[in-house]
Amino acid sequence: MPKDLHTWIEDVERMAPGELLRIEKGISPQFEVLALVKHFEDRGQGPAFLFENILNLQGERSEFPLLTNTHASRVKLGVTFGVLPEEVRRNPGLPTQIISDRSSRRIKPVVVSPSEAPCKERVLSESETDLGIFPALTHHELDMGPYMTMGVVGANPDTGNHNLSWHRLMIKSAKRAGIHIVPRHLWAYFQKAESKGEPLPVAYILGHHPAFLEAMSWGLTIDESEYEVAGALLDEPLRLVPSETWGRKLLVPADAEIIIEGVILPGVREPEAPFAEWVGYYAPQRMNPVFEARVITCRRDAIYMNNILGFPHRDNLGAYGMEAAALKKIQEIVPEVTVLNLADYPMQGLIQMKKKREGDAKRAAYALLGSLLQVENVYIFDEDVDIYNPADVLWALASRVQPGKDVEILRGMRTSGLDPSIERLDLSDGMIIDATKPVDRPFVERLKVPPDVLERIRPEEYVRPGVLAR
């Protein structure tokens, strides 16, 4: 049985009870979903939510349940890749390493017939297509309107190569949405089509197994396809099916939940945003391209997926794929690097390494900066520092850093442009802080309790039942 979103939900409910909450009470997609999620965030909890009774944009009960917050904990990421929760709690970086290891190979997709594709179980014609049937969220207070926050597949007009990437859609009417495209591969495809006065065929993918979704973040060359990475992360060939509108010229994932086929119109720019982006601030309004929906296909039991952006501990769907891809590139240059943690916020990266030579920490930092455009600040630590524990990180920064020699400021780097502190265009300063111990001279030992004693002394044997759960 192919992996899909439904098999993932079953795995989470079986392997990690409490990591997915089914919400039966009725709720509005305008602010209310985010308000509930934020209450959990404020308590330090990040379960996935499956809203079974939510309104659509037409004010009616949506026929599509809404699933969100799927990657708001590393435990759920572990489930995605078959790692037990207790293993993730012992080693939070393990799922990322598994993603990185799997990506070392490629698994070519297979094309199936429409009769074999769950995403074709229902087909809404162009006259029936209406974006208002979905429970698209208005996330934060100043957002311009309801947004879809998942991924797009497009094909290179010259080569036919397929690209997966994340792009927000601001719904404007039944068939029209603003789309924000950054200057990467989909933008290059669009420019090729627009230069000929032609629309670019694309498909918006509203839900699939999270391993597939992580492939959307992979940094490949323009001649490579994330479909092969998706197969590697799923550990099985990804099933594709010809689109309704363009046939084999645009292949879409057969086991997706919902697919909106459409075009990005040439020569058209309209206001899009403000929108609460992953940096924790509103992206400013810009004149952006326009997406026009043509056909909707979906499963009979389709679930509508949403990616939450903007919270300090927000849904990290896509960020883990970036983390794994960057880790792989760093380890190719500095094999002593063991873990990378983007700290739920890809403008900074925490590197853990087993340093053997002076200078390798800085090489690892440069490798990360070269791998991810979003990263501006890099911090490097030894293996004895838990880079998932803020107290441990702050302790190491305070006790192992001499600013005069261990801090390097990088001037005028190109970044993603979403950092609100930059003064012009997409140029920003960066920083490297080397918090590793020197290897060419003695350094004091860190305090520790004998490991065998820690293993032998169990808290539950010394306190009343229930105390540890408080």
Protein backbone atom coordinates (compact mmCIF):
# COMPACT_ATOMS: atom_id res chain seq x y z
CA MET A 1 0.00 0.00 0.00
CA PRO A 2 1.54 3.37 -1.01
CA LYS A 3 2.31 5.81 1.78
CA ASP A 4 -0.04 8.76 1.95
CA LEU A 5 -1.44 11.21 4.48
CA HIS A 6 -3.95 8.67 5.80
CA THR A 7 -1.27 6.09 6.55
CA TRP A 8 0.73 8.83 8.31
CA ILE A 9 -2.23 9.74 10.54
CA GLU A 10 -2.64 6.06 11.45
CA ASP A 11 1.07 5.83 12.30
CA VAL A 12 0.97 8.93 14.52
CA GLU A 13 -2.11 7.78 16.42
CA ARG A 14 -0.54 4.35 16.93
CA MET A 15 3.06 5.33 17.70
CA ALA A 16 2.63 8.69 19.43
CA PRO A 17 -0.79 9.04 21.10
CA GLY A 18 -1.50 12.65 21.97
CA GLU A 19 0.59 14.01 19.10
CA LEU A 20 -2.55 14.37 16.96
CA LEU A 21 -5.80 15.81 18.28
CA ARG A 22 -9.12 15.36 16.49
CA ILE A 23 -11.28 18.46 17.03
CA GLU A 24 -15.01 17.84 16.65
CA LYS A 25 -16.30 21.23 17.83
CA GLY A 26 -17.14 23.65 15.02
CA ILE A 27 -14.57 26.34 14.26
CA SER A 28 -13.97 29.17 11.77
CA PRO A 29 -10.91 29.31 9.51
CA GLN A 30 -10.65 33.05 10.16
CA PHE A 31 -8.25 33.45 13.11
CA GLU A 32 -9.96 30.83 15.32
CA VAL A 33 -7.78 27.89 14.26
CA LEU A 34 -4.65 29.91 14.92
CA ALA A 35 -5.99 31.08 18.27
CA LEU A 36 -6.43 27.48 19.41
CA VAL A 37 -3.00 26.48 18.13
CA LYS A 38 -1.43 29.45 19.92
CA HIS A 39 -2.97 28.43 23.25
CA PHE A 40 -1.15 25.09 22.90
CA GLU A 41 2.03 26.84 21.74
CA ASP A 42 1.99 29.02 24.86
CA ARG A 43 1.90 25.84 26.95
CA GLY A 44 4.91 24.43 25.12
CA GLN A 45 2.82 21.84 23.25
CA GLY A 46 2.75 21.22 19.52
CA PRO A 47 0.28 18.50 18.55
CA ALA A 48 -1.12 18.17 15.05
CA PHE A 49 -4.78 19.16 14.77
CA LEU A 50 -7.40 17.50 12.59
CA PHE A 51 -10.42 19.82 12.49
CA GLU A 52 -13.39 17.67 11.52
CA ASN A 53 -16.03 20.42 11.65
CA ILE A 54 -14.67 23.60 10.08
CA LEU A 55 -16.27 26.22 7.85
CA ASN A 56 -15.16 26.82 4.28
CA LEU A 57 -14.79 30.24 2.67
CA GLN A 58 -18.44 30.15 1.61
CA GLY A 59 -19.51 30.01 5.26
CA GLU A 60 -20.67 26.40 5.07
CA ARG A 61 -19.35 23.32 6.81
CA SER A 62 -16.37 22.21 4.75
CA GLU A 63 -16.51 18.78 3.17
CA PHE A 64 -12.74 18.70 3.70
CA PRO A 65 -11.37 18.30 7.25
CA LEU A 66 -8.37 20.53 7.95
CA LEU A 67 -5.04 19.07 9.14
CA THR A 68 -2.37 21.44 10.41
CA ASN A 69 0.67 21.62 12.72
CA THR A 70 1.94 18.27 11.44
CA HIS A 71 5.60 19.17 12.04
CA ALA A 72 5.38 21.12 15.28
CA SER A 73 7.42 18.48 17.13
CA ARG A 74 10.38 16.30 16.29
CA VAL A 75 8.45 13.32 17.66
CA LYS A 76 6.05 13.53 14.72
CA LEU A 77 8.98 13.95 12.36
CA GLY A 78 10.37 10.74 13.79
CA VAL A 79 7.08 8.93 13.13
CA THR A 80 7.25 10.14 9.53
CA PHE A 81 10.51 8.23 9.11
CA GLY A 82 9.77 5.24 11.35
CA VAL A 83 11.62 6.40 14.47
CA LEU A 84 10.01 5.65 17.83
CA PRO A 85 9.21 8.66 20.07
CA GLU A 86 11.55 7.50 22.85
CA GLU A 87 14.44 7.34 20.36
CA VAL A 88 13.71 10.89 19.18
CA ARG A 89 13.59 12.16 22.76
CA ARG A 90 17.02 10.64 23.38
CA ASN A 91 18.44 11.90 20.09
CA PRO A 92 16.41 14.78 18.55
CA GLY A 93 18.74 14.95 15.54
CA LEU A 94 18.16 11.33 14.50
CA PRO A 95 15.22 11.95 12.10
CA THR A 96 17.16 14.69 10.32
CA GLN A 97 20.11 12.34 9.89
CA ILE A 98 17.78 9.67 8.45
CA ILE A 99 16.41 12.19 5.95
CA SER A 100 19.96 13.15 4.98
CA ASP A 101 21.01 9.50 4.58
CA ARG A 102 17.99 8.59 2.46
CA SER A 103 18.58 11.55 0.19
CA SER A 104 21.95 10.11 -0.82
CA ARG A 105 20.12 7.98 -3.34
CA ARG A 106 17.35 8.76 -5.81
CA ILE A 107 14.27 6.66 -6.55
CA LYS A 108 12.65 7.39 -9.87
CA PRO A 109 8.88 7.85 -9.83
CA VAL A 110 6.42 5.61 -11.65
CA VAL A 111 3.46 6.81 -13.69
CA VAL A 112 0.10 5.17 -13.04
CA SER A 113 -3.22 5.43 -14.84
CA PRO A 114 -5.98 7.80 -13.60
CA SER A 115 -8.03 4.80 -12.47
CA GLU A 116 -5.21 3.86 -10.06
CA ALA A 117 -4.78 7.39 -8.66
CA PRO A 118 -6.72 8.32 -5.49
CA CYS A 119 -6.28 12.01 -6.35
CA LYS A 120 -8.56 11.40 -9.37
CA GLU A 121 -11.46 9.85 -7.45
CA ARG A 122 -13.31 13.16 -7.80
CA VAL A 123 -12.83 15.61 -10.65
CA LEU A 124 -14.39 19.08 -10.59
CA SER A 125 -14.61 20.63 -14.04
CA GLU A 126 -13.59 24.21 -14.76
CA SER A 127 -17.19 25.38 -14.31
CA GLU A 128 -17.38 23.57 -10.94
CA THR A 129 -13.98 24.72 -9.68
CA ASP A 130 -14.22 27.20 -6.80
CA LEU A 131 -11.47 27.89 -4.26
CA GLY A 132 -14.16 28.88 -1.78
CA ILE A 133 -15.00 25.23 -1.06
CA PHE A 134 -11.83 24.94 1.03
CA PRO A 135 -11.26 25.94 4.68
CA ALA A 136 -8.35 28.23 3.78
CA LEU A 137 -7.06 30.01 6.87
CA THR A 138 -6.71 33.67 7.63
CA HIS A 139 -3.77 33.24 9.96
CA HIS A 140 -2.76 36.45 11.73
CA GLU A 141 -4.41 39.76 12.49
CA LEU A 142 -3.08 41.83 9.58
CA ASP A 143 -3.04 39.13 6.89
CA MET A 144 -4.60 40.42 3.69
CA GLY A 145 -7.01 37.48 3.54
CA PRO A 146 -7.27 33.68 3.45
CA TYR A 147 -4.16 31.85 2.30
CA MET A 148 -3.14 28.40 1.15
CA THR A 149 0.35 27.52 2.37
CA MET A 150 1.40 24.31 0.67
CA GLY A 151 3.40 23.41 -2.43
CA VAL A 152 3.43 23.78 -6.20
CA VAL A 153 4.68 21.54 -8.99
CA GLY A 154 5.65 23.03 -12.29
CA ALA A 155 7.47 21.77 -15.39
CA ASN A 156 10.36 23.43 -17.19
CA PRO A 157 8.87 24.70 -20.50
CA ASP A 158 12.09 23.77 -22.33
CA THR A 159 13.05 20.41 -20.80
CA GLY A 160 9.88 19.11 -19.14
CA ASN A 161 11.76 18.58 -15.86
CA HIS A 162 9.48 18.87 -12.81
CA ASN A 163 10.13 21.09 -9.80
CA LEU A 164 8.48 21.04 -6.36
CA SER A 165 8.56 24.12 -4.13
CA TRP A 166 6.68 25.98 -1.41
CA HIS A 167 4.58 29.00 -2.39
CA ARG A 168 1.81 30.85 -0.61
CA LEU A 169 -1.48 31.56 -2.40
CA MET A 170 -3.69 34.49 -1.40
CA ILE A 171 -7.26 33.63 -2.43
CA LYS A 172 -8.93 36.54 -4.20
CA SER A 173 -11.99 34.96 -5.84
CA ALA A 174 -13.42 31.63 -6.94
CA LYS A 175 -10.59 30.94 -9.39
CA ARG A 176 -8.02 33.66 -8.77
CA ALA A 177 -5.17 33.86 -6.25
CA GLY A 178 -2.02 35.89 -5.79
CA ILE A 179 1.17 33.81 -5.68
CA HIS A 180 4.51 34.78 -4.18
CA ILE A 181 7.45 33.32 -6.14
CA VAL A 182 11.04 33.85 -5.06
CA PRO A 183 13.84 33.88 -7.71
CA ARG A 184 14.51 30.16 -7.86
CA HIS A 185 13.48 27.35 -10.19
CA LEU A 186 9.73 27.99 -10.49
CA TRP A 187 10.52 31.65 -11.11
CA ALA A 188 12.91 30.64 -13.90
CA TYR A 189 10.17 28.44 -15.44
CA PHE A 190 7.70 31.32 -15.22
CA GLN A 191 10.13 33.73 -16.86
CA LYS A 192 10.65 31.31 -19.75
CA ALA A 193 6.88 31.04 -20.31
CA GLU A 194 6.21 34.74 -19.77
CA SER A 195 8.89 35.74 -22.28
CA LYS A 196 6.82 33.91 -24.89
CA GLY A 197 3.57 35.46 -23.66
CA GLU A 198 2.39 32.06 -22.44
CA PRO A 199 0.91 31.00 -19.08
CA LEU A 200 2.89 28.53 -16.97
CA PRO A 201 0.94 25.35 -16.12
CA VAL A 202 1.25 24.41 -12.44
CA ALA A 203 -0.58 22.32 -9.87
CA TYR A 204 -1.07 23.23 -6.22
CA ILE A 205 -0.75 20.17 -3.98
CA LEU A 206 -2.92 20.33 -0.86
CA GLY A 207 -1.71 17.40 1.18
CA HIS A 208 0.38 14.24 0.97
CA HIS A 209 2.51 12.10 3.28
CA PRO A 210 4.87 14.49 5.17
CA ALA A 211 7.93 12.65 3.79
CA PHE A 212 6.81 13.76 0.32
CA LEU A 213 6.31 17.30 1.57
CA GLU A 214 9.83 17.47 2.99
CA ALA A 215 11.19 16.88 -0.53
CA MET A 216 9.76 20.27 -1.55
CA SER A 217 12.51 21.93 0.50
CA TRP A 218 15.38 20.14 -1.20
CA GLY A 219 18.01 22.31 -2.84
CA LEU A 220 18.65 20.73 -6.24
CA THR A 221 19.97 22.02 -9.54
CA ILE A 222 17.42 23.22 -12.05
CA ASP A 223 17.95 20.02 -14.08
CA GLU A 224 17.07 17.71 -11.17
CA SER A 225 13.59 16.80 -9.92
CA GLU A 226 12.39 16.72 -6.32
CA TYR A 227 10.10 13.86 -7.34
CA GLU A 228 13.13 11.53 -7.14
CA VAL A 229 14.04 12.89 -3.70
CA ALA A 230 10.44 12.36 -2.58
CA GLY A 231 10.74 8.70 -3.56
CA ALA A 232 13.95 8.39 -1.55
CA LEU A 233 12.38 9.99 1.53
CA LEU A 234 9.27 7.81 1.20
CA ASP A 235 11.56 4.80 0.65
CA GLU A 236 9.42 3.73 -2.29
CA PRO A 237 8.80 5.00 -5.84
CA LEU A 238 6.56 8.05 -5.87
CA ARG A 239 3.43 7.43 -7.91
CA LEU A 240 2.59 10.10 -10.49
CA VAL A 241 -0.39 10.52 -12.79
CA PRO A 242 -0.97 12.76 -15.84
CA SER A 243 -2.79 16.00 -15.02
CA GLU A 244 -6.36 16.49 -16.20
CA THR A 245 -5.54 19.65 -18.13
CA TRP A 246 -2.13 18.98 -19.70
CA GLY A 247 -1.72 15.21 -19.58
CA ARG A 248 1.87 13.96 -19.27
CA LYS A 249 3.29 17.46 -19.77
CA LEU A 250 2.51 18.02 -16.08
CA LEU A 251 2.63 14.94 -13.87
CA VAL A 252 1.06 15.24 -10.41
CA PRO A 253 1.38 12.98 -7.32
CA ALA A 254 -1.22 10.23 -7.59
CA ASP A 255 -1.61 9.78 -3.82
CA ALA A 256 -2.08 13.45 -2.97
CA GLU A 257 -5.19 14.60 -1.13
CA ILE A 258 -6.25 17.55 -3.31
CA ILE A 259 -4.76 18.99 -6.49
CA ILE A 260 -5.67 22.36 -7.98
CA GLU A 261 -4.55 22.57 -11.59
CA GLY A 262 -4.09 26.04 -13.00
CA VAL A 263 -1.76 28.55 -14.60
CA ILE A 264 0.38 31.49 -13.59
CA LEU A 265 -0.71 34.25 -15.93
CA PRO A 266 1.88 36.06 -18.07
CA GLY A 267 2.20 39.83 -17.84
CA VAL A 268 -0.11 40.14 -14.82
CA ARG A 269 0.89 41.54 -11.43
CA GLU A 270 -1.51 42.36 -8.60
CA PRO A 271 -1.12 43.35 -4.92
CA GLU A 272 -0.38 40.37 -2.65
CA ALA A 273 0.20 40.33 1.14
CA PRO A 274 0.77 41.43 3.94
CA PHE A 275 1.12 37.88 5.21
CA ALA A 276 2.64 36.49 8.43
CA GLU A 277 5.78 34.70 7.22
CA TRP A 278 8.14 32.25 8.93
CA VAL A 279 10.40 35.04 10.17
CA GLY A 280 7.70 36.01 12.70
CA TYR A 281 6.83 39.27 10.92
CA TYR A 282 4.47 40.29 8.15
CA ALA A 283 5.84 40.07 4.63
CA PRO A 284 5.14 43.42 2.95
CA GLN A 285 2.66 43.87 0.14
CA ARG A 286 4.16 43.43 -3.32
CA MET A 287 2.96 43.34 -6.90
CA ASN A 288 3.10 39.59 -7.48
CA PRO A 289 2.01 37.15 -10.22
CA VAL A 290 -1.49 35.70 -10.36
CA PHE A 291 -2.58 32.04 -10.28
CA GLU A 292 -5.77 31.06 -12.08
CA ALA A 293 -7.43 27.76 -11.15
CA ARG A 294 -8.72 25.49 -13.92
CA VAL A 295 -9.60 22.08 -12.44
CA ILE A 296 -9.75 20.50 -8.98
CA THR A 297 -9.18 16.79 -8.41
CA CYS A 298 -9.23 15.05 -5.04
CA ARG A 299 -9.76 11.85 -3.09
CA ARG A 300 -13.24 10.90 -1.88
CA ASP A 301 -12.00 11.18 1.71
CA ALA A 302 -9.66 14.12 1.04
CA ILE A 303 -8.08 16.07 3.88
CA TYR A 304 -7.06 19.69 3.35
CA MET A 305 -3.55 20.43 4.66
CA ASN A 306 -2.24 23.75 5.92
CA ASN A 307 1.23 24.83 6.99
CA ILE A 308 1.29 27.27 9.92
CA LEU A 309 3.88 30.01 9.71
CA GLY A 310 4.96 32.76 12.04
CA PHE A 311 5.01 31.26 15.55
CA PRO A 312 8.19 30.88 17.63
CA HIS A 313 7.46 27.12 17.86
CA ARG A 314 5.41 26.92 14.73
CA ASP A 315 4.75 24.07 12.36
CA ASN A 316 8.17 23.31 10.84
CA LEU A 317 6.89 21.51 7.77
CA GLY A 318 9.56 22.03 5.13
CA ALA A 319 12.19 23.34 7.54
CA TYR A 320 13.34 19.84 8.45
CA GLY A 321 13.98 19.06 4.80
CA MET A 322 16.12 22.19 4.57
CA GLU A 323 17.94 21.09 7.72
CA ALA A 324 18.65 17.62 6.36
CA ALA A 325 19.77 18.88 2.95
CA ALA A 326 22.16 21.37 4.53
CA LEU A 327 23.51 18.76 6.98
CA LYS A 328 24.39 16.48 4.08
CA LYS A 329 26.33 19.23 2.30
CA ILE A 330 28.16 20.27 5.48
CA GLN A 331 29.21 16.69 6.27
CA GLU A 332 30.64 16.32 2.78
CA ILE A 333 33.07 19.14 3.65
CA VAL A 334 33.51 18.54 7.40
CA PRO A 335 32.65 14.91 8.26
CA GLU A 336 33.16 15.64 11.97
CA VAL A 337 29.84 17.54 12.04
CA THR A 338 27.28 15.36 13.80
CA VAL A 339 24.09 17.44 14.10
CA LEU A 340 22.52 20.57 12.60
CA ASN A 341 19.65 22.35 14.33
CA LEU A 342 17.95 25.26 12.58
CA ALA A 343 16.24 25.98 15.92
CA ASP A 344 12.76 26.18 14.38
CA TYR A 345 13.92 29.34 12.63
CA PRO A 346 16.02 28.97 9.46
CA MET A 347 17.74 32.37 9.78
CA GLN A 348 20.16 30.78 12.24
CA GLY A 349 21.87 27.42 12.50
CA LEU A 350 23.39 25.54 15.42
CA ILE A 351 26.09 23.03 14.48
CA GLN A 352 27.35 20.27 16.75
CA MET A 353 30.67 18.63 15.87
CA LYS A 354 33.47 16.45 17.17
CA LYS A 355 36.26 18.90 16.44
CA LYS A 356 39.67 17.40 15.67
CA ARG A 357 41.45 20.33 14.02
CA GLU A 358 41.37 24.07 14.45
CA GLY A 359 39.66 25.78 11.54
CA ASP A 360 37.11 23.03 10.86
CA ALA A 361 34.42 24.83 12.87
CA LYS A 362 34.70 27.84 10.59
CA ARG A 363 34.66 25.63 7.47
CA ALA A 364 31.45 24.00 8.72
CA ALA A 365 29.90 27.43 9.28
CA TYR A 366 30.77 28.58 5.77
CA ALA A 367 29.35 25.34 4.36
CA LEU A 368 26.02 26.04 6.08
CA LEU A 369 25.94 29.64 4.87
CA GLY A 370 26.58 28.40 1.35
CA SER A 371 23.85 25.77 1.59
CA LEU A 372 20.90 27.85 2.79
CA LEU A 373 20.13 31.37 1.62
CA GLN A 374 17.97 31.98 4.69
CA VAL A 375 20.75 31.41 7.24
CA GLU A 376 22.54 34.54 8.47
CA ASN A 377 24.00 33.52 11.85
CA VAL A 378 25.84 30.28 12.66
CA TYR A 379 26.87 28.92 16.07
CA ILE A 380 29.20 25.93 16.43
CA PHE A 381 29.39 23.71 19.53
CA ASP A 382 31.17 20.60 20.80
CA GLU A 383 29.47 17.23 21.21
CA ASP A 384 28.99 17.73 24.95
CA VAL A 385 26.60 20.66 24.34
CA ASP A 386 22.92 19.81 23.77
CA ILE A 387 22.06 22.13 20.91
CA TYR A 388 18.35 21.44 21.45
CA ASN A 389 18.55 22.81 25.02
CA PRO A 390 18.53 26.64 25.11
CA ALA A 391 20.07 26.69 28.61
CA ASP A 392 22.98 24.51 27.46
CA VAL A 393 23.49 26.68 24.36
CA LEU A 394 23.55 29.90 26.37
CA TRP A 395 25.97 28.34 28.88
CA ALA A 396 28.39 27.38 26.10
CA LEU A 397 28.14 30.82 24.48
CA ALA A 398 28.92 32.42 27.82
CA SER A 399 31.81 30.14 28.84
CA ARG A 400 33.54 29.13 25.59
CA VAL A 401 33.54 32.29 23.48
CA GLN A 402 36.07 35.12 23.40
CA PRO A 403 34.35 37.70 21.15
CA GLY A 404 37.61 39.18 19.90
CA LYS A 405 38.69 35.95 18.21
CA ASP A 406 35.66 33.64 18.17
CA VAL A 407 33.09 35.99 16.59
CA GLU A 408 33.28 36.86 12.89
CA ILE A 409 31.01 39.42 11.22
CA LEU A 410 30.25 38.92 7.51
CA ARG A 411 29.23 42.04 5.61
CA GLY A 412 26.75 42.31 2.76
CA MET A 413 25.61 38.70 2.26
CA ARG A 414 22.66 37.97 0.00
CA THR A 415 19.76 36.46 1.98
CA SER A 416 16.13 35.52 1.49
CA GLY A 417 15.06 39.15 1.89
CA LEU A 418 12.46 38.36 4.57
CA ASP A 419 14.62 39.59 7.46
CA PRO A 420 12.90 42.85 8.55
CA SER A 421 16.16 44.21 10.01
CA ILE A 422 17.90 44.53 6.63
CA GLU A 423 18.08 48.04 5.20
CA ARG A 424 17.99 47.40 1.47
CA LEU A 425 17.03 44.69 -0.98
CA ASP A 426 18.19 41.25 0.19
CA LEU A 427 21.62 42.15 1.60
CA SER A 428 22.34 41.41 5.23
CA ASP A 429 25.27 41.05 7.60
CA GLY A 430 25.93 37.61 9.02
CA MET A 431 27.75 36.25 12.03
CA ILE A 432 29.74 33.15 12.97
CA ILE A 433 30.29 32.31 16.64
CA ASP A 434 32.71 29.47 17.35
CA ALA A 435 31.81 28.09 20.78
CA THR A 436 33.97 24.99 20.45
CA LYS A 437 36.81 24.19 22.83
CA PRO A 438 40.38 24.58 21.52
CA VAL A 439 42.14 21.38 20.51
CA ASP A 440 45.65 22.81 20.54
CA ARG A 441 45.75 23.55 24.29
CA PRO A 442 44.20 22.15 27.48
CA PHE A 443 40.69 23.23 28.43
CA VAL A 444 38.87 22.67 31.70
CA GLU A 445 36.55 19.68 31.99
CA ARG A 446 32.80 20.15 32.17
CA LEU A 447 31.10 19.05 35.38
CA LYS A 448 29.14 15.82 35.16
CA VAL A 449 27.56 13.13 37.30
CA PRO A 450 29.01 9.64 36.74
CA PRO A 451 26.95 8.11 33.88
CA ASP A 452 26.51 4.75 35.65
CA VAL A 453 24.99 6.52 38.65
CA LEU A 454 22.64 8.51 36.44
CA GLU A 455 21.54 5.25 34.86
CA ARG A 456 21.06 3.55 38.23
CA ILE A 457 19.16 6.31 40.05
CA ARG A 458 15.56 6.45 38.82
CA PRO A 459 13.46 9.49 39.93
CA GLU A 460 10.23 7.48 40.06
CA GLU A 461 11.72 5.36 42.84
CA TYR A 462 12.22 8.38 45.08
CA VAL A 463 9.09 10.56 44.67
CA ARG A 464 5.34 10.11 45.01
CA PRO A 465 3.37 8.99 41.91
CA GLY A 466 2.25 11.93 39.81
CA VAL A 467 4.98 14.34 40.91
CA LEU A 468 7.07 13.82 37.77
CA ALA A 469 4.08 14.51 35.54
CA ARG A 470 3.52 17.99 36.98
